[in-house]
Amino acid sequence: MDAKTIKEDVKTELNKGIERLGTLRDEVKLHLHLASLDAKQEWDEKLEPRINEMQSSAQHAGDASRVAVTDLVKRVEGFYAKLRGTSSAS
C-alpha cells in the first residue's frame, strides 16, 4: 500500500465519521426537547461545539483527525443512547 492509498483511506474513514456525526447531531436534536436540563447543557457546551469543530477541521485530514472523529462519534453515540433512555422513560 503506497502513501497515496493510505491517505485516501484515512480521508474516506474521516468523511464517514463526519457524516455519522451529522446524522447523530440531527437525531440528538430531535430528542433534546424531552431531555433534562443537564443533558441539554452537556450537549450545548461539550458535544455540539466539538462536532462543529470536527466538521470544520476535516479538510486537513490526517490520522490524528480520524482518531479524534472516531472518539467523538463514540461519545455522541453514548450521549444519544443515554438521551433516548431518558426520553423514553418520560
N, C-alpha and C. Protein backbone atom coordinates (compact mmCIF):
# COMPACT_ATOMS: atom_id res chain seq x y z
N MET A 1 0.85 -1.17 0.00
CA MET A 1 0.00 0.00 0.00
C MET A 1 0.90 1.24 0.00
N ASP A 2 0.67 2.14 -0.94
CA ASP A 2 1.51 3.33 -1.01
C ASP A 2 0.91 4.46 -0.16
N ALA A 3 1.68 5.53 -0.02
CA ALA A 3 1.27 6.65 0.83
C ALA A 3 -0.02 7.30 0.34
N LYS A 4 -0.18 7.37 -0.98
CA LYS A 4 -1.39 7.98 -1.53
C LYS A 4 -2.62 7.17 -1.17
N THR A 5 -2.54 5.85 -1.27
CA THR A 5 -3.66 4.98 -0.93
C THR A 5 -3.99 5.09 0.56
N ILE A 6 -2.98 5.12 1.39
CA ILE A 6 -3.20 5.26 2.83
C ILE A 6 -3.90 6.58 3.13
N LYS A 7 -3.43 7.65 2.50
CA LYS A 7 -4.04 8.96 2.73
C LYS A 7 -5.50 8.96 2.28
N GLU A 8 -5.78 8.34 1.14
CA GLU A 8 -7.16 8.26 0.65
C GLU A 8 -8.03 7.44 1.59
N ASP A 9 -7.48 6.35 2.13
CA ASP A 9 -8.23 5.52 3.08
C ASP A 9 -8.56 6.30 4.35
N VAL A 10 -7.59 7.04 4.85
CA VAL A 10 -7.80 7.85 6.06
C VAL A 10 -8.87 8.91 5.78
N LYS A 11 -8.78 9.55 4.63
CA LYS A 11 -9.76 10.58 4.27
C LYS A 11 -11.16 9.98 4.15
N THR A 12 -11.27 8.78 3.57
CA THR A 12 -12.56 8.10 3.44
C THR A 12 -13.14 7.80 4.82
N GLU A 13 -12.31 7.26 5.71
CA GLU A 13 -12.77 6.96 7.08
C GLU A 13 -13.19 8.23 7.79
N LEU A 14 -12.42 9.29 7.62
CA LEU A 14 -12.73 10.56 8.25
C LEU A 14 -14.07 11.09 7.75
N ASN A 15 -14.29 11.03 6.44
CA ASN A 15 -15.55 11.50 5.89
C ASN A 15 -16.74 10.69 6.40
N LYS A 16 -16.57 9.38 6.55
CA LYS A 16 -17.65 8.55 7.11
C LYS A 16 -17.97 8.98 8.54
N GLY A 17 -16.92 9.24 9.32
CA GLY A 17 -17.13 9.69 10.69
C GLY A 17 -17.83 11.02 10.75
N ILE A 18 -17.43 11.95 9.88
CA ILE A 18 -18.07 13.27 9.84
C ILE A 18 -19.54 13.13 9.44
N GLU A 19 -19.84 12.28 8.47
CA GLU A 19 -21.23 12.04 8.08
C GLU A 19 -22.03 11.47 9.25
N ARG A 20 -21.43 10.52 9.98
CA ARG A 20 -22.11 9.91 11.14
C ARG A 20 -22.38 10.96 12.21
N LEU A 21 -21.42 11.86 12.42
CA LEU A 21 -21.63 12.93 13.41
C LEU A 21 -22.80 13.82 13.01
N GLY A 22 -22.92 14.12 11.73
CA GLY A 22 -24.04 14.94 11.27
C GLY A 22 -25.37 14.25 11.51
N THR A 23 -25.43 12.97 11.22
CA THR A 23 -26.65 12.19 11.45
C THR A 23 -26.98 12.15 12.94
N LEU A 24 -25.96 11.87 13.76
CA LEU A 24 -26.19 11.83 15.21
C LEU A 24 -26.66 13.18 15.73
N ARG A 25 -26.06 14.26 15.23
CA ARG A 25 -26.46 15.59 15.69
C ARG A 25 -27.94 15.80 15.40
N ASP A 26 -28.40 15.43 14.21
CA ASP A 26 -29.81 15.59 13.86
C ASP A 26 -30.71 14.76 14.77
N GLU A 27 -30.30 13.52 15.06
CA GLU A 27 -31.10 12.64 15.91
C GLU A 27 -31.15 13.16 17.35
N VAL A 28 -30.02 13.64 17.85
CA VAL A 28 -29.98 14.17 19.21
C VAL A 28 -30.90 15.38 19.33
N LYS A 29 -30.83 16.27 18.35
CA LYS A 29 -31.66 17.48 18.41
C LYS A 29 -33.15 17.14 18.44
N LEU A 30 -33.54 16.05 17.78
CA LEU A 30 -34.95 15.63 17.82
C LEU A 30 -35.37 15.22 19.23
N HIS A 31 -34.45 14.67 20.00
CA HIS A 31 -34.78 14.17 21.33
C HIS A 31 -34.50 15.16 22.45
N LEU A 32 -33.78 16.23 22.16
CA LEU A 32 -33.40 17.16 23.22
C LEU A 32 -34.58 17.86 23.87
N HIS A 33 -35.64 18.06 23.16
CA HIS A 33 -36.77 18.78 23.77
C HIS A 33 -37.37 18.00 24.94
N LEU A 34 -37.14 16.71 25.01
CA LEU A 34 -37.63 15.90 26.12
C LEU A 34 -36.58 15.69 27.21
N ALA A 35 -35.38 16.18 26.96
CA ALA A 35 -34.25 15.88 27.84
C ALA A 35 -34.22 16.78 29.07
N SER A 36 -33.43 16.35 30.02
CA SER A 36 -33.24 17.13 31.23
C SER A 36 -32.35 18.34 30.94
N LEU A 37 -32.35 19.28 31.84
CA LEU A 37 -31.50 20.47 31.71
C LEU A 37 -30.02 20.08 31.66
N ASP A 38 -29.62 19.09 32.46
CA ASP A 38 -28.23 18.64 32.46
C ASP A 38 -27.83 18.08 31.10
N ALA A 39 -28.71 17.31 30.49
CA ALA A 39 -28.42 16.75 29.18
C ALA A 39 -28.31 17.85 28.14
N LYS A 40 -29.20 18.82 28.18
CA LYS A 40 -29.14 19.94 27.24
C LYS A 40 -27.84 20.73 27.41
N GLN A 41 -27.45 20.93 28.66
CA GLN A 41 -26.22 21.67 28.93
C GLN A 41 -25.00 20.89 28.43
N GLU A 42 -24.96 19.58 28.65
CA GLU A 42 -23.85 18.77 28.15
C GLU A 42 -23.76 18.86 26.63
N TRP A 43 -24.91 18.79 25.97
CA TRP A 43 -24.94 18.88 24.51
C TRP A 43 -24.45 20.25 24.05
N ASP A 44 -25.02 21.31 24.61
CA ASP A 44 -24.70 22.67 24.17
C ASP A 44 -23.26 23.06 24.44
N GLU A 45 -22.71 22.63 25.58
CA GLU A 45 -21.38 23.09 25.98
C GLU A 45 -20.25 22.16 25.58
N LYS A 46 -20.53 20.85 25.46
CA LYS A 46 -19.44 19.91 25.25
C LYS A 46 -19.47 19.22 23.90
N LEU A 47 -20.61 18.73 23.50
CA LEU A 47 -20.65 17.86 22.32
C LEU A 47 -20.89 18.61 21.00
N GLU A 48 -21.93 19.41 20.93
CA GLU A 48 -22.20 20.08 19.65
C GLU A 48 -21.04 20.97 19.20
N PRO A 49 -20.41 21.74 20.08
CA PRO A 49 -19.26 22.53 19.62
C PRO A 49 -18.13 21.66 19.05
N ARG A 50 -17.92 20.48 19.62
CA ARG A 50 -16.88 19.58 19.11
C ARG A 50 -17.25 19.05 17.72
N ILE A 51 -18.54 18.76 17.50
CA ILE A 51 -18.97 18.31 16.17
C ILE A 51 -18.68 19.40 15.14
N ASN A 52 -19.06 20.61 15.46
CA ASN A 52 -18.82 21.72 14.54
C ASN A 52 -17.32 21.90 14.27
N GLU A 53 -16.52 21.77 15.31
CA GLU A 53 -15.07 21.88 15.18
C GLU A 53 -14.52 20.77 14.28
N MET A 54 -14.98 19.55 14.48
CA MET A 54 -14.51 18.42 13.67
C MET A 54 -14.89 18.60 12.20
N GLN A 55 -16.09 19.05 11.96
CA GLN A 55 -16.52 19.24 10.58
C GLN A 55 -15.67 20.32 9.90
N SER A 56 -15.33 21.35 10.63
CA SER A 56 -14.51 22.42 10.07
C SER A 56 -13.08 21.97 9.80
N SER A 57 -12.52 21.17 10.69
CA SER A 57 -11.13 20.78 10.54
C SER A 57 -10.93 19.53 9.69
N ALA A 58 -12.00 18.93 9.22
CA ALA A 58 -11.90 17.69 8.44
C ALA A 58 -11.16 17.89 7.12
N GLN A 59 -11.10 19.12 6.65
CA GLN A 59 -10.41 19.38 5.40
C GLN A 59 -8.91 19.10 5.52
N HIS A 60 -8.39 19.14 6.72
CA HIS A 60 -6.97 18.88 6.95
C HIS A 60 -6.82 17.47 7.50
N ALA A 61 -7.35 16.52 6.75
CA ALA A 61 -7.44 15.14 7.20
C ALA A 61 -6.07 14.53 7.44
N GLY A 62 -6.01 13.81 8.51
CA GLY A 62 -4.83 13.05 8.86
C GLY A 62 -5.23 11.97 9.83
N ASP A 63 -4.28 11.15 10.21
CA ASP A 63 -4.58 10.05 11.12
C ASP A 63 -5.10 10.56 12.46
N ALA A 64 -4.51 11.65 12.96
CA ALA A 64 -4.97 12.20 14.24
C ALA A 64 -6.41 12.67 14.14
N SER A 65 -6.78 13.25 13.00
CA SER A 65 -8.16 13.69 12.79
C SER A 65 -9.11 12.50 12.79
N ARG A 66 -8.70 11.42 12.15
CA ARG A 66 -9.54 10.22 12.08
C ARG A 66 -9.77 9.67 13.48
N VAL A 67 -8.73 9.62 14.27
CA VAL A 67 -8.85 9.12 15.65
C VAL A 67 -9.76 10.04 16.46
N ALA A 68 -9.60 11.34 16.30
CA ALA A 68 -10.42 12.29 17.04
C ALA A 68 -11.89 12.17 16.65
N VAL A 69 -12.16 12.00 15.36
CA VAL A 69 -13.54 11.85 14.90
C VAL A 69 -14.14 10.55 15.43
N THR A 70 -13.38 9.48 15.37
CA THR A 70 -13.86 8.19 15.88
C THR A 70 -14.21 8.30 17.36
N ASP A 71 -13.35 8.97 18.13
CA ASP A 71 -13.61 9.16 19.56
C ASP A 71 -14.88 9.99 19.77
N LEU A 72 -15.03 11.06 19.01
CA LEU A 72 -16.20 11.91 19.17
C LEU A 72 -17.48 11.18 18.76
N VAL A 73 -17.42 10.37 17.71
CA VAL A 73 -18.60 9.57 17.31
C VAL A 73 -19.02 8.68 18.48
N LYS A 74 -18.06 8.03 19.12
CA LYS A 74 -18.39 7.16 20.27
C LYS A 74 -19.03 7.97 21.40
N ARG A 75 -18.48 9.15 21.68
CA ARG A 75 -19.03 9.98 22.77
C ARG A 75 -20.45 10.43 22.45
N VAL A 76 -20.69 10.85 21.21
CA VAL A 76 -22.02 11.31 20.83
C VAL A 76 -23.00 10.15 20.78
N GLU A 77 -22.57 8.98 20.31
CA GLU A 77 -23.44 7.81 20.33
C GLU A 77 -23.81 7.44 21.76
N GLY A 78 -22.86 7.52 22.68
CA GLY A 78 -23.16 7.24 24.08
C GLY A 78 -24.14 8.24 24.66
N PHE A 79 -23.94 9.52 24.35
CA PHE A 79 -24.84 10.56 24.81
C PHE A 79 -26.24 10.33 24.25
N TYR A 80 -26.31 10.01 22.96
CA TYR A 80 -27.60 9.77 22.31
C TYR A 80 -28.31 8.57 22.93
N ALA A 81 -27.58 7.51 23.21
CA ALA A 81 -28.18 6.33 23.84
C ALA A 81 -28.73 6.69 25.22
N LYS A 82 -27.95 7.47 25.96
CA LYS A 82 -28.40 7.92 27.29
C LYS A 82 -29.63 8.80 27.17
N LEU A 83 -29.63 9.69 26.18
CA LEU A 83 -30.74 10.61 25.96
C LEU A 83 -32.00 9.85 25.57
N ARG A 84 -31.87 8.87 24.71
CA ARG A 84 -33.02 8.08 24.30
C ARG A 84 -33.59 7.29 25.47
N GLY A 85 -32.74 6.80 26.34
CA GLY A 85 -33.19 6.08 27.52
C GLY A 85 -33.96 6.99 28.46
N THR A 86 -33.51 8.23 28.58
CA THR A 86 -34.17 9.22 29.44
C THR A 86 -35.51 9.63 28.87
N SER A 87 -35.55 9.92 27.55
CA SER A 87 -36.78 10.43 26.97
C SER A 87 -37.86 9.37 26.86
N SER A 88 -37.46 8.11 26.71
CA SER A 88 -38.47 7.06 26.62
C SER A 88 -39.06 6.71 27.98
N ALA A 89 -38.36 7.09 29.05
CA ALA A 89 -38.87 6.83 30.39
C ALA A 89 -39.86 7.90 30.83
N SER A 90 -39.92 9.03 30.09
CA SER A 90 -40.81 10.12 30.45
C SER A 90 -42.25 9.81 30.14
